[in-house]
Amino acid sequence: MKTEETMLDVASSADSLGKRAPDPSRILDVGFGFWSSKVLLTAVELKVFTTLSDRAMTGEALGAAIGLHPRGIYDFLDALVALKFLDREGTGANGQYRNTIATTTFLDEQQPGYIGGILEMTNDRLFKFWSDLGPALKTGEPQNEVKHSKTSMFEALYADSARLEQFIGAMTGISRGNFQAFAAKFDFAPYETLCDVGGASGLLSQLVAKQHPYMHCLTFDLPPVAPIAKKAIEKEGLSDRIQVVSGDFFADSLPKADVITMGMILHDWNLEKKKHLILQAYEALPENGALVAIENLIDDDRRKNAFGLLMSLNMLIEFGDAFDFTGADFWSWCQEAGFRRYEVLHLAGPCSAAIAYK
């Protein structure tokens, strides 16, 4: 009671001075943010949105379909309603739950726009690793599987074909919108060939080839990725215009092309390796060729793109010395390599294309 009176006194004093009392809502929202995060991630894990698809279900029916104990059904589903991931008509036992337009589009795994793969991976791996952000900040060391097995994330990933396919599927889902925006916004008119470095499933090459019929593309990645890429490219009927090439971008020269793209590649590495890849690209490009780094580019003043900054912390947890960067950082490294001009092309949400011209 005393605490309540004290808070009222503070508010009254602030009002009398013509000022609004400080509001702790933002602090509490962020501090307890992991609650809502885990609700969404668990909903994806339990296939709530895929189970609903384009139909409505009662809480009891949906709970039974995904194997929930009766105690948690309505708290869980109504939390998803309050968080605006589900719609509901009616209340209680007669209430009917439906997907929202967004969850139908992006979280029903039967839909082409599905991005739940990255959320599945976040739930399986990153959620628990982020509990060790403090040790990561104090030691500068990764806090993922390498902490226990001493095997790097990529070594473990490429040694397990099932995990590799899951990872590539997750990256494909989260990258599709950004790559589609790049294919639509970048001026490809002066160019004929593109090499996507670290191309994974070949998604960027597929989208560029579809948007620009005169472009011939090449997707470049490690040998274990080749069967996955070839399968995806064949499915789209683009095998005659997209070549799959295997190699190691730290051991081999990059294939020559008019445009070299790196989608979410540079942020995986430390400064020395970033500069190595940029120099490799410079040597593989012709005069007037373009290097494109598609990243959650941090704004130069480091005040606005919170997602880019959080992604950089994720790189600390995953790799230790890897980090995300600003456009100004990228341009300084590109100037060292010999590039003559630079621009930033915003794509979607927090993602942009940093472009350097030779």
Protein backbone atom coordinates (compact mmCIF):
# COMPACT_ATOMS: atom_id res chain seq x y z
CA MET A 1 0.00 0.00 0.00
CA LYS A 2 2.83 2.33 0.87
CA THR A 3 4.47 1.62 -2.51
CA GLU A 4 1.21 2.46 -4.29
CA GLU A 5 0.92 5.77 -2.37
CA THR A 6 4.54 6.61 -3.22
CA MET A 7 3.90 5.98 -6.94
CA LEU A 8 0.81 8.21 -6.82
CA ASP A 9 2.85 10.93 -5.10
CA VAL A 10 5.50 10.73 -7.84
CA ALA A 11 2.84 10.93 -10.57
CA SER A 12 1.12 13.85 -8.81
CA SER A 13 4.41 15.72 -8.42
CA ALA A 14 5.27 15.15 -12.07
CA ASP A 15 1.82 16.36 -13.16
CA SER A 16 2.10 19.46 -11.01
CA LEU A 17 5.35 20.31 -12.75
CA GLY A 18 3.75 19.84 -16.16
CA LYS A 19 5.75 16.70 -16.89
CA ARG A 20 4.65 13.12 -17.48
CA ALA A 21 5.84 10.57 -14.95
CA PRO A 22 8.34 8.04 -16.36
CA ASP A 23 6.62 4.95 -17.77
CA PRO A 24 8.28 1.55 -17.11
CA SER A 25 6.23 -0.26 -19.81
CA ARG A 26 9.03 -0.36 -22.37
CA ILE A 27 11.48 -1.74 -19.80
CA LEU A 28 9.05 -4.46 -18.77
CA ASP A 29 8.09 -5.33 -22.37
CA VAL A 30 11.70 -5.91 -23.33
CA GLY A 31 12.69 -7.53 -20.03
CA PHE A 32 9.93 -10.11 -20.36
CA GLY A 33 10.21 -10.33 -24.14
CA PHE A 34 11.40 -13.92 -23.96
CA TRP A 35 7.90 -14.94 -22.80
CA SER A 36 6.22 -13.87 -26.03
CA SER A 37 9.18 -15.12 -28.07
CA LYS A 38 8.92 -18.59 -26.58
CA VAL A 39 5.14 -18.68 -27.13
CA LEU A 40 5.61 -17.98 -30.85
CA LEU A 41 8.55 -20.37 -31.24
CA THR A 42 6.64 -23.14 -29.46
CA ALA A 43 3.60 -22.52 -31.67
CA VAL A 44 5.81 -23.05 -34.73
CA GLU A 45 7.37 -26.15 -33.15
CA LEU A 46 3.91 -27.61 -32.43
CA LYS A 47 2.72 -26.72 -35.96
CA VAL A 48 -0.21 -24.63 -34.72
CA PHE A 49 -0.32 -22.51 -37.88
CA THR A 50 0.12 -25.45 -40.25
CA THR A 51 -2.59 -27.42 -38.44
CA LEU A 52 -5.03 -24.52 -38.72
CA SER A 53 -4.06 -23.74 -42.31
CA ASP A 54 -7.14 -22.05 -43.86
CA ARG A 55 -9.76 -23.40 -41.44
CA ALA A 56 -11.16 -22.48 -38.02
CA MET A 57 -11.00 -24.82 -35.01
CA THR A 58 -12.17 -24.74 -31.41
CA GLY A 59 -9.52 -24.66 -28.72
CA GLU A 60 -10.35 -28.20 -27.67
CA ALA A 61 -10.09 -29.54 -31.23
CA LEU A 62 -6.86 -27.67 -31.96
CA GLY A 63 -5.37 -28.68 -28.62
CA ALA A 64 -6.17 -32.33 -29.30
CA ALA A 65 -4.74 -32.11 -32.83
CA ILE A 66 -1.36 -30.86 -31.59
CA GLY A 67 -1.28 -32.90 -28.37
CA LEU A 68 -1.81 -30.27 -25.66
CA HIS A 69 -2.82 -30.98 -22.05
CA PRO A 70 -6.15 -29.29 -21.24
CA ARG A 71 -4.57 -27.02 -18.60
CA GLY A 72 -2.61 -24.93 -21.08
CA ILE A 73 -4.84 -24.87 -24.16
CA TYR A 74 -6.70 -21.60 -23.68
CA ASP A 75 -3.87 -19.65 -22.04
CA PHE A 76 -1.58 -20.66 -24.91
CA LEU A 77 -4.00 -20.02 -27.77
CA ASP A 78 -5.40 -16.81 -26.29
CA ALA A 79 -1.84 -15.56 -25.72
CA LEU A 80 -1.32 -16.06 -29.47
CA VAL A 81 -4.53 -14.06 -30.06
CA ALA A 82 -3.33 -11.25 -27.77
CA LEU A 83 0.04 -11.26 -29.55
CA LYS A 84 -1.87 -11.01 -32.89
CA PHE A 85 -0.61 -14.32 -34.28
CA LEU A 86 -4.12 -15.85 -34.23
CA ASP A 87 -7.65 -14.49 -34.68
CA ARG A 88 -10.58 -15.77 -32.65
CA GLU A 89 -14.34 -15.58 -33.17
CA GLY A 90 -16.37 -16.10 -30.00
CA THR A 91 -15.11 -17.01 -26.56
CA GLY A 92 -14.54 -20.01 -24.35
CA ALA A 93 -15.27 -23.52 -25.53
CA ASN A 94 -17.23 -22.22 -28.52
CA GLY A 95 -14.49 -19.86 -29.70
CA GLN A 96 -13.09 -20.54 -33.15
CA TYR A 97 -9.37 -19.92 -33.77
CA ARG A 98 -7.97 -18.96 -37.17
CA ASN A 99 -4.62 -17.93 -38.60
CA THR A 100 -4.07 -14.27 -39.36
CA ILE A 101 -3.18 -13.26 -42.91
CA ALA A 102 0.48 -13.03 -41.85
CA THR A 103 0.64 -16.42 -40.13
CA THR A 104 -1.18 -18.08 -43.04
CA THR A 105 1.36 -16.61 -45.45
CA PHE A 106 4.56 -17.09 -43.46
CA LEU A 107 4.02 -19.80 -40.83
CA ASP A 108 1.93 -22.46 -42.58
CA GLU A 109 4.65 -24.81 -43.82
CA GLN A 110 2.52 -25.78 -46.82
CA GLN A 111 2.78 -22.23 -48.21
CA PRO A 112 5.63 -21.06 -50.49
CA GLY A 113 6.32 -18.04 -48.28
CA TYR A 114 7.04 -20.17 -45.19
CA ILE A 115 9.74 -18.65 -42.96
CA GLY A 116 9.20 -20.91 -39.97
CA GLY A 117 12.41 -22.82 -40.67
CA ILE A 118 14.52 -20.05 -39.17
CA LEU A 119 12.20 -19.98 -36.14
CA GLU A 120 12.52 -23.75 -35.74
CA MET A 121 16.30 -23.37 -35.74
CA THR A 122 16.04 -20.47 -33.30
CA ASN A 123 13.97 -22.61 -30.96
CA ASP A 124 16.23 -25.66 -31.30
CA ARG A 125 19.55 -23.84 -30.93
CA LEU A 126 19.68 -20.09 -30.39
CA PHE A 127 17.15 -19.71 -27.59
CA LYS A 128 19.33 -21.63 -25.13
CA PHE A 129 22.62 -20.21 -26.42
CA TRP A 130 21.44 -16.63 -25.87
CA SER A 131 21.18 -17.34 -22.14
CA ASP A 132 24.99 -17.18 -22.22
CA LEU A 133 25.22 -13.69 -23.72
CA GLY A 134 26.94 -12.48 -20.54
CA PRO A 135 29.81 -15.00 -20.79
CA ALA A 136 30.11 -14.20 -24.52
CA LEU A 137 30.48 -10.49 -23.77
CA LYS A 138 33.06 -11.16 -21.03
CA THR A 139 35.16 -13.70 -22.93
CA GLY A 140 34.61 -12.91 -26.63
CA GLU A 141 34.17 -16.66 -27.13
CA PRO A 142 31.31 -18.47 -28.90
CA GLN A 143 28.59 -19.99 -26.72
CA ASN A 144 27.13 -22.55 -29.14
CA GLU A 145 28.01 -26.22 -29.75
CA VAL A 146 31.72 -25.37 -30.02
CA LYS A 147 31.76 -24.50 -26.32
CA HIS A 148 31.26 -28.18 -25.50
CA SER A 149 32.41 -30.15 -28.54
CA LYS A 150 35.26 -27.86 -29.67
CA THR A 151 33.92 -28.35 -33.22
CA SER A 152 32.93 -25.21 -35.10
CA MET A 153 29.30 -24.69 -36.08
CA PHE A 154 30.04 -25.03 -39.80
CA GLU A 155 32.15 -28.17 -39.32
CA ALA A 156 29.31 -29.83 -37.41
CA LEU A 157 26.73 -28.59 -39.90
CA TYR A 158 28.45 -29.78 -43.07
CA ALA A 159 29.19 -33.19 -41.53
CA ASP A 160 25.47 -33.91 -41.01
CA SER A 161 23.40 -33.86 -44.21
CA ALA A 162 20.05 -33.68 -42.39
CA ARG A 163 21.12 -30.70 -40.28
CA LEU A 164 22.67 -29.06 -43.33
CA GLU A 165 19.42 -29.36 -45.27
CA GLN A 166 17.46 -27.95 -42.30
CA PHE A 167 19.89 -25.01 -42.07
CA ILE A 168 19.68 -24.28 -45.80
CA GLY A 169 15.89 -24.50 -45.65
CA ALA A 170 15.86 -22.01 -42.78
CA MET A 171 18.14 -19.60 -44.64
CA THR A 172 16.06 -19.96 -47.81
CA GLY A 173 12.86 -18.99 -46.01
CA ILE A 174 14.29 -15.96 -44.22
CA SER A 175 16.20 -14.72 -47.29
CA ARG A 176 13.49 -15.02 -49.93
CA GLY A 177 11.94 -11.58 -49.43
CA ASN A 178 15.31 -9.80 -49.37
CA PHE A 179 16.60 -11.64 -52.44
CA GLN A 180 13.36 -10.99 -54.32
CA ALA A 181 13.67 -7.28 -53.53
CA PHE A 182 17.27 -7.29 -54.75
CA ALA A 183 16.34 -9.04 -58.01
CA ALA A 184 13.65 -6.39 -58.60
CA LYS A 185 15.52 -3.25 -57.50
CA PHE A 186 19.12 -3.70 -58.68
CA ASP A 187 19.92 -2.47 -62.21
CA PHE A 188 21.07 -5.61 -64.05
CA ALA A 189 20.94 -3.95 -67.49
CA PRO A 190 24.74 -3.51 -67.83
CA TYR A 191 25.48 -7.12 -66.86
CA GLU A 192 25.15 -10.64 -68.23
CA THR A 193 26.57 -12.96 -65.54
CA LEU A 194 26.20 -13.36 -61.79
CA CYS A 195 28.02 -15.53 -59.25
CA ASP A 196 26.36 -15.98 -55.86
CA VAL A 197 29.07 -16.85 -53.33
CA GLY A 198 27.85 -19.12 -50.55
CA GLY A 199 24.76 -19.65 -52.66
CA ALA A 200 23.26 -22.51 -50.58
CA SER A 201 20.09 -23.69 -52.36
CA GLY A 202 20.70 -21.31 -55.27
CA LEU A 203 17.71 -19.17 -54.30
CA LEU A 204 19.23 -15.80 -55.21
CA SER A 205 20.34 -17.12 -58.60
CA GLN A 206 16.86 -18.52 -59.23
CA LEU A 207 15.14 -15.23 -58.43
CA VAL A 208 17.54 -13.20 -60.58
CA ALA A 209 17.23 -15.66 -63.48
CA LYS A 210 13.43 -15.49 -63.35
CA GLN A 211 13.36 -11.69 -63.16
CA HIS A 212 16.02 -11.14 -65.85
CA PRO A 213 15.90 -13.77 -68.64
CA TYR A 214 19.19 -12.55 -70.19
CA MET A 215 21.19 -13.21 -66.99
CA HIS A 216 23.25 -16.40 -66.63
CA CYS A 217 23.92 -17.31 -63.02
CA LEU A 218 26.30 -19.47 -61.04
CA THR A 219 25.84 -20.57 -57.43
CA PHE A 220 29.06 -21.33 -55.56
CA ASP A 221 29.31 -23.26 -52.29
CA LEU A 222 31.02 -26.21 -50.60
CA PRO A 223 30.64 -29.69 -52.19
CA PRO A 224 28.04 -31.06 -49.69
CA VAL A 225 25.65 -28.28 -50.75
CA ALA A 226 25.70 -29.12 -54.48
CA PRO A 227 23.01 -31.87 -54.44
CA ILE A 228 20.64 -29.61 -52.49
CA ALA A 229 21.17 -26.71 -54.91
CA LYS A 230 20.84 -28.87 -58.02
CA LYS A 231 17.57 -30.35 -56.76
CA ALA A 232 16.09 -26.90 -56.05
CA ILE A 233 17.23 -25.47 -59.39
CA GLU A 234 15.90 -28.46 -61.36
CA LYS A 235 12.54 -28.09 -59.59
CA GLU A 236 12.31 -24.51 -60.92
CA GLY A 237 13.26 -25.59 -64.45
CA LEU A 238 16.38 -23.38 -64.47
CA SER A 239 19.18 -25.92 -64.88
CA ASP A 240 20.07 -24.52 -68.32
CA ARG A 241 20.67 -21.02 -66.91
CA ILE A 242 22.12 -21.67 -63.44
CA GLN A 243 25.35 -23.58 -62.95
CA VAL A 244 26.23 -25.18 -59.61
CA VAL A 245 29.95 -24.94 -58.84
CA SER A 246 31.64 -26.41 -55.78
CA GLY A 247 34.59 -24.84 -54.02
CA ASP A 248 35.94 -23.29 -50.83
CA PHE A 249 36.03 -19.49 -50.94
CA PHE A 250 38.98 -19.41 -48.55
CA ALA A 251 41.03 -21.94 -50.53
CA ASP A 252 39.91 -21.35 -54.13
CA SER A 253 39.60 -18.34 -56.42
CA LEU A 254 36.05 -17.16 -56.98
CA PRO A 255 34.47 -17.83 -60.39
CA LYS A 256 34.56 -14.78 -62.66
CA ALA A 257 31.30 -12.90 -63.23
CA ASP A 258 30.00 -9.38 -63.89
CA VAL A 259 28.18 -9.32 -60.53
CA ILE A 260 29.29 -11.17 -57.40
CA THR A 261 26.78 -11.47 -54.59
CA MET A 262 27.28 -12.55 -50.98
CA GLY A 263 23.99 -12.96 -49.12
CA MET A 264 24.52 -13.05 -45.34
CA ILE A 265 28.08 -14.30 -45.84
CA LEU A 266 30.44 -11.55 -44.72
CA HIS A 267 28.91 -11.26 -41.25
CA ASP A 268 29.93 -14.88 -40.50
CA TRP A 269 33.63 -13.98 -40.39
CA ASN A 270 36.22 -11.87 -38.60
CA LEU A 271 37.75 -8.74 -40.14
CA GLU A 272 40.71 -10.52 -41.75
CA LYS A 273 38.44 -13.02 -43.52
CA LYS A 274 35.95 -10.33 -44.52
CA LYS A 275 38.75 -8.42 -46.25
CA HIS A 276 39.99 -11.64 -47.89
CA LEU A 277 36.56 -12.31 -49.42
CA ILE A 278 36.22 -8.73 -50.64
CA LEU A 279 39.65 -8.92 -52.28
CA GLN A 280 38.72 -12.28 -53.85
CA ALA A 281 35.63 -10.66 -55.32
CA TYR A 282 37.60 -7.69 -56.66
CA GLU A 283 40.00 -10.03 -58.46
CA ALA A 284 37.14 -12.03 -60.00
CA LEU A 285 35.20 -9.00 -61.29
CA PRO A 286 35.75 -7.17 -64.60
CA GLU A 287 36.08 -3.38 -64.74
CA ASN A 288 32.70 -1.82 -63.76
CA GLY A 289 31.67 -5.12 -62.17
CA ALA A 290 29.75 -5.04 -58.88
CA LEU A 291 30.20 -6.72 -55.50
CA VAL A 292 26.91 -6.94 -53.58
CA ALA A 293 26.78 -7.78 -49.87
CA ILE A 294 23.20 -8.44 -48.72
CA GLU A 295 23.12 -8.02 -44.95
CA ASN A 296 21.15 -6.57 -42.05
CA LEU A 297 23.36 -3.54 -42.53
CA ILE A 298 23.78 -1.47 -39.36
CA ASP A 299 23.12 2.24 -39.89
CA ASP A 300 26.32 4.30 -39.91
CA ASP A 301 25.37 6.10 -36.68
CA ARG A 302 24.59 2.74 -34.99
CA ARG A 303 21.32 4.03 -33.47
CA LYS A 304 18.42 2.70 -35.59
CA ASN A 305 18.84 -0.83 -36.93
CA ALA A 306 18.37 -2.72 -33.67
CA PHE A 307 17.96 -6.01 -35.56
CA GLY A 308 21.35 -5.55 -37.24
CA LEU A 309 22.99 -4.88 -33.88
CA LEU A 310 21.27 -7.89 -32.30
CA MET A 311 22.37 -10.01 -35.26
CA SER A 312 25.93 -8.92 -34.57
CA LEU A 313 25.56 -10.11 -30.98
CA ASN A 314 24.25 -13.39 -32.40
CA MET A 315 27.46 -13.66 -34.45
CA LEU A 316 29.41 -13.22 -31.20
CA ILE A 317 27.46 -16.10 -29.65
CA GLU A 318 27.86 -18.28 -32.76
CA PHE A 319 31.45 -17.53 -33.77
CA GLY A 320 33.16 -15.23 -31.29
CA ASP A 321 35.08 -12.91 -33.62
CA ALA A 322 32.42 -12.60 -36.36
CA PHE A 323 30.32 -9.43 -36.52
CA ASP A 324 27.82 -7.40 -38.53
CA PHE A 325 28.81 -3.99 -39.87
CA THR A 326 27.78 -0.59 -41.20
CA GLY A 327 27.80 0.58 -44.81
CA ALA A 328 30.72 2.86 -43.93
CA ASP A 329 32.68 -0.14 -42.62
CA PHE A 330 32.03 -2.08 -45.82
CA TRP A 331 33.08 0.83 -48.01
CA SER A 332 36.35 1.33 -46.11
CA TRP A 333 37.26 -2.34 -46.70
CA CYS A 334 36.24 -2.13 -50.36
CA GLN A 335 38.38 0.98 -50.90
CA GLU A 336 41.38 -0.92 -49.54
CA ALA A 337 40.74 -3.62 -52.16
CA GLY A 338 40.56 -1.05 -54.98
CA PHE A 339 36.83 -0.51 -55.57
CA ARG A 340 36.03 2.97 -56.89
CA ARG A 341 32.34 3.61 -56.04
CA TYR A 342 29.78 2.52 -53.46
CA GLU A 343 26.06 2.74 -52.69
CA VAL A 344 23.45 1.21 -50.39
CA LEU A 345 20.18 -0.17 -51.73
CA HIS A 346 17.53 -0.79 -49.07
CA LEU A 347 15.73 -4.10 -49.64
CA ALA A 348 13.18 -5.04 -46.98
CA GLY A 349 12.86 -4.48 -43.24
CA PRO A 350 16.33 -4.26 -41.66
CA CYS A 351 18.09 -5.68 -44.73
CA SER A 352 20.03 -3.73 -47.38
CA ALA A 353 22.43 -4.40 -50.23
CA ALA A 354 25.85 -2.75 -49.85
CA ILE A 355 27.23 -2.42 -53.41
CA ALA A 356 30.82 -1.67 -54.43
CA TYR A 357 31.77 -1.07 -58.09
CA LYS A 358 35.18 -1.93 -59.52
